[in-house]
């Protein structure tokens, strides 16, 4: 069965290009001009992935994302934005976005990111419990706790932490993390990783200090 992707975008030209690209790649795709129409449809069905523009009439994309995450924590969300400032991207990640694309973007990159995000969303529960210092992860329930207090992570933050926990003590290159967690390797995408690391550290609180930056190489969990 084809996977269903919804896009909320008020620019008709961009929306039609994205819908055409997705449908040609054998996805089912629906387009919405505003959050009201999107949420009305969400009452009837649930897509496999959502694409949200930031600048929208009425509720903007970040507001829609915040509302969406109140009921759908694990639904993959990609932000589409003309803004390139770090603040807008970090804000989106903090609110629960799993990835973002800055306009203008190429259709091949759009498809690659979409497929990678969908692949990563189909995890296989293994029932393993991973523990490092005061961080505990139950991969069967996807629950993460720090000092026994539950920490809410986005899909990508969880996958990133899971990879770090599996390789605790090892230095992981930026390229390897992007390939494993995101499933793609585009030039300049280390900035995506940087922002996810920053957001993950903040959400882990005191345990965030366990994620070490290895200069000019990548990251490591622990010493």
Protein backbone atom coordinates (compact mmCIF):
# COMPACT_ATOMS: atom_id res chain seq x y z
CA UNK A 1 0.00 0.00 0.00
CA UNK A 2 1.42 3.42 -0.96
CA UNK A 3 2.49 5.62 1.92
CA UNK A 4 0.51 8.80 2.46
CA UNK A 5 2.24 12.17 2.74
CA UNK A 6 0.48 15.43 3.59
CA UNK A 7 1.88 18.88 2.89
CA UNK A 8 0.66 22.16 4.39
CA UNK A 9 1.85 24.91 2.06
CA UNK A 10 0.06 28.10 0.96
CA UNK A 11 2.28 28.73 -2.06
CA UNK A 12 0.27 27.00 -4.80
CA UNK A 13 3.24 26.56 -7.16
CA UNK A 14 5.46 24.95 -4.53
CA UNK A 15 2.63 22.76 -3.26
CA UNK A 16 1.82 21.49 -6.75
CA UNK A 17 5.48 20.74 -7.51
CA UNK A 18 5.86 18.77 -4.28
CA UNK A 19 2.60 16.87 -4.84
CA UNK A 20 3.57 16.07 -8.43
CA UNK A 21 7.01 14.85 -7.33
CA UNK A 22 5.62 12.66 -4.54
CA UNK A 23 2.89 11.13 -6.70
CA UNK A 24 5.40 10.35 -9.48
CA UNK A 25 7.43 8.50 -6.82
CA UNK A 26 4.36 6.35 -6.03
CA UNK A 27 3.35 8.11 -2.83
CA UNK A 28 -0.18 9.16 -2.07
CA UNK A 29 -0.12 12.89 -1.37
CA UNK A 30 -2.57 15.51 -0.17
CA UNK A 31 -2.08 19.28 -0.01
CA UNK A 32 -3.54 21.81 2.42
CA UNK A 33 -3.32 25.61 2.37
CA UNK A 34 -3.76 26.12 6.12
CA UNK A 35 -3.76 24.41 9.49
CA UNK A 36 -7.56 24.34 9.83
CA UNK A 37 -8.01 22.17 6.75
CA UNK A 38 -5.10 19.96 7.80
CA UNK A 39 -6.46 19.29 11.29
CA UNK A 40 -9.98 18.71 9.93
CA UNK A 41 -8.61 15.90 7.75
CA UNK A 42 -6.44 14.60 10.61
CA UNK A 43 -9.65 13.83 12.51
CA UNK A 44 -10.52 11.31 9.78
CA UNK A 45 -7.14 9.79 8.87
CA UNK A 46 -3.44 9.79 9.76
CA UNK A 47 -0.65 10.15 7.18
CA UNK A 48 2.75 8.46 7.23
CA UNK A 49 4.59 11.79 7.08
CA UNK A 50 3.74 15.50 7.28
CA UNK A 51 5.49 18.39 5.54
CA UNK A 52 4.89 21.82 7.08
CA UNK A 53 5.75 25.24 5.72
CA UNK A 54 6.62 27.77 8.45
CA UNK A 55 5.05 30.88 6.88
CA UNK A 56 1.31 30.16 6.61
CA UNK A 57 -1.91 32.17 6.89
CA UNK A 58 -3.54 31.83 10.29
CA UNK A 59 -1.51 29.47 12.47
CA UNK A 60 2.08 29.30 11.24
CA UNK A 61 3.92 26.03 10.77
CA UNK A 62 5.53 26.09 14.21
CA UNK A 63 2.15 26.56 15.89
CA UNK A 64 0.70 23.70 13.83
CA UNK A 65 3.68 21.54 14.79
CA UNK A 66 3.18 22.28 18.48
CA UNK A 67 -0.49 21.32 18.30
CA UNK A 68 0.30 18.22 16.25
CA UNK A 69 2.83 16.95 18.78
CA UNK A 70 0.25 17.07 21.57
CA UNK A 71 -1.53 14.08 20.00
CA UNK A 72 0.96 12.59 17.55
CA UNK A 73 4.42 12.34 19.13
CA UNK A 74 5.92 9.81 16.73
CA UNK A 75 4.48 11.04 13.41
CA UNK A 76 7.45 12.06 11.21
CA UNK A 77 7.42 15.80 10.40
CA UNK A 78 9.58 17.68 7.89
CA UNK A 79 9.63 21.48 7.93
CA UNK A 80 9.74 23.37 4.61
CA UNK A 81 10.94 26.91 5.11
CA UNK A 82 12.36 29.85 3.23
CA UNK A 83 14.03 30.99 6.43
CA UNK A 84 17.65 29.99 6.88
CA UNK A 85 18.36 31.37 10.36
CA UNK A 86 19.49 28.94 13.01
CA UNK A 87 16.79 30.24 15.38
CA UNK A 88 13.91 29.09 13.16
CA UNK A 89 15.45 25.67 12.60
CA UNK A 90 16.29 25.08 16.25
CA UNK A 91 12.80 26.26 17.25
CA UNK A 92 11.29 23.71 14.89
CA UNK A 93 13.50 20.93 16.25
CA UNK A 94 12.66 21.92 19.82
CA UNK A 95 8.95 21.66 19.03
CA UNK A 96 9.36 18.19 17.56
CA UNK A 97 10.33 18.45 13.87
CA UNK A 98 12.37 15.51 12.60
CA UNK A 99 13.97 17.20 9.59
CA UNK A 100 13.80 20.39 7.54
CA UNK A 101 14.36 21.63 4.00
CA UNK A 102 15.27 25.22 3.20
CA UNK A 103 13.70 26.68 0.05
CA UNK A 104 14.59 26.54 -2.73
CA UNK A 105 15.26 22.80 -2.73
CA UNK A 106 15.71 20.23 -5.47
CA UNK A 107 13.15 17.49 -6.03
CA UNK A 108 15.81 14.77 -5.73
CA UNK A 109 16.83 16.03 -2.31
CA UNK A 110 13.17 16.23 -1.31
CA UNK A 111 12.62 12.60 -2.29
CA UNK A 112 15.84 11.39 -0.67
CA UNK A 113 15.01 13.05 2.65
CA UNK A 114 11.41 11.84 2.49
CA UNK A 115 12.39 8.22 1.86
CA UNK A 116 15.10 8.35 4.54
CA UNK A 117 12.68 9.74 7.12
CA UNK A 118 10.07 7.11 6.29
CA UNK A 119 12.64 4.32 6.49
CA UNK A 120 13.79 5.45 9.90
CA UNK A 121 10.22 5.67 11.19
CA UNK A 122 9.75 1.91 10.84
CA UNK A 123 11.80 0.78 13.82
CA UNK A 124 11.97 -2.83 14.97
CA UNK A 125 11.27 -3.22 18.70
CA UNK A 126 13.96 -5.42 20.21
CA UNK A 127 13.09 -5.10 23.88
CA UNK A 128 16.63 -4.12 24.84
CA UNK A 129 17.23 -1.69 27.67
CA UNK A 130 20.23 0.58 27.18
CA UNK A 131 21.71 2.34 30.20
CA UNK A 132 24.51 4.88 30.39
CA UNK A 133 25.11 6.70 33.65
CA UNK A 134 21.74 8.30 34.50
CA UNK A 135 20.27 7.78 31.01
CA UNK A 136 18.00 4.78 30.47
CA UNK A 137 16.34 3.79 27.19
CA UNK A 138 13.79 1.02 26.69
CA UNK A 139 13.81 0.37 22.97
CA UNK A 140 10.65 -1.78 23.11
CA UNK A 141 8.54 1.05 24.56
CA UNK A 142 10.73 3.88 23.21
CA UNK A 143 10.75 5.47 26.64
CA UNK A 144 13.81 7.48 27.71
CA UNK A 145 14.39 8.48 31.31
CA UNK A 146 17.01 10.65 32.99
CA UNK A 147 17.29 10.07 36.75
CA UNK A 148 14.05 8.04 36.43
CA UNK A 149 12.15 11.05 35.00
CA UNK A 150 10.71 10.53 31.51
CA UNK A 151 12.21 12.70 28.78
CA UNK A 152 10.13 13.39 25.67
CA UNK A 153 12.19 13.23 22.47
CA UNK A 154 11.29 13.66 18.83
CA UNK A 155 11.71 10.70 16.51
CA UNK A 156 15.09 11.84 15.23
CA UNK A 157 16.36 12.81 18.70
CA UNK A 158 15.47 9.33 19.90
CA UNK A 159 17.21 7.65 16.97
CA UNK A 160 20.29 9.81 17.50
CA UNK A 161 20.46 8.99 21.21
CA UNK A 162 19.91 5.30 20.48
CA UNK A 163 22.87 5.28 18.10
CA UNK A 164 25.05 7.08 20.63
CA UNK A 165 24.04 4.64 23.39
CA UNK A 166 24.81 1.63 21.19
CA UNK A 167 28.29 3.05 20.62
CA UNK A 168 28.98 4.58 24.04
CA UNK A 169 32.63 5.52 24.44
CA UNK A 170 33.33 5.43 20.70
CA UNK A 171 33.99 8.48 18.55
CA UNK A 172 31.40 8.66 15.77
CA UNK A 173 32.09 10.81 12.73
CA UNK A 174 29.48 13.28 11.55
CA UNK A 175 29.31 11.46 8.23
CA UNK A 176 28.64 8.10 9.87
CA UNK A 177 25.94 9.52 12.14
CA UNK A 178 24.19 11.19 9.19
CA UNK A 179 24.38 8.02 7.13
CA UNK A 180 23.05 5.82 9.95
CA UNK A 181 20.42 8.05 11.55
CA UNK A 182 19.29 10.13 8.58
CA UNK A 183 20.06 7.77 5.75
CA UNK A 184 21.58 10.40 3.47
CA UNK A 185 24.76 12.39 3.03
CA UNK A 186 24.32 15.87 1.57
CA UNK A 187 27.05 18.46 1.64
CA UNK A 188 26.61 20.85 4.54
CA UNK A 189 24.22 18.61 6.48
CA UNK A 190 26.48 18.56 9.53
CA UNK A 191 24.46 21.65 10.56
CA UNK A 192 21.35 19.46 10.83
CA UNK A 193 23.27 17.12 13.12
CA UNK A 194 24.63 20.02 15.16
CA UNK A 195 21.15 21.33 15.87
CA UNK A 196 19.83 17.90 16.84
CA UNK A 197 22.78 17.40 19.20
CA UNK A 198 22.11 20.81 20.73
CA UNK A 199 18.41 20.06 21.20
CA UNK A 200 19.13 16.58 22.59
CA UNK A 201 21.59 17.95 25.13
CA UNK A 202 19.01 20.47 26.32
CA UNK A 203 16.29 17.85 26.72
CA UNK A 204 18.58 15.47 28.61
CA UNK A 205 19.30 18.20 31.17
CA UNK A 206 22.28 17.33 33.37
CA UNK A 207 22.82 14.13 31.35
CA UNK A 208 23.41 16.22 28.24
CA UNK A 209 27.00 16.73 29.35
CA UNK A 210 27.68 13.07 28.53
CA UNK A 211 27.50 13.91 24.81
CA UNK A 212 30.98 15.13 23.96
CA UNK A 213 32.04 17.04 20.86
CA UNK A 214 35.20 15.67 19.28
CA UNK A 215 36.70 18.60 17.42
CA UNK A 216 36.86 18.24 13.63
CA UNK A 217 35.55 14.68 13.84
CA UNK A 218 32.11 14.18 15.40
CA UNK A 219 30.61 13.15 18.73
CA UNK A 220 31.00 10.59 21.51
CA UNK A 221 28.80 9.52 24.40
CA UNK A 222 30.97 9.42 27.51
CA UNK A 223 34.72 9.48 27.92
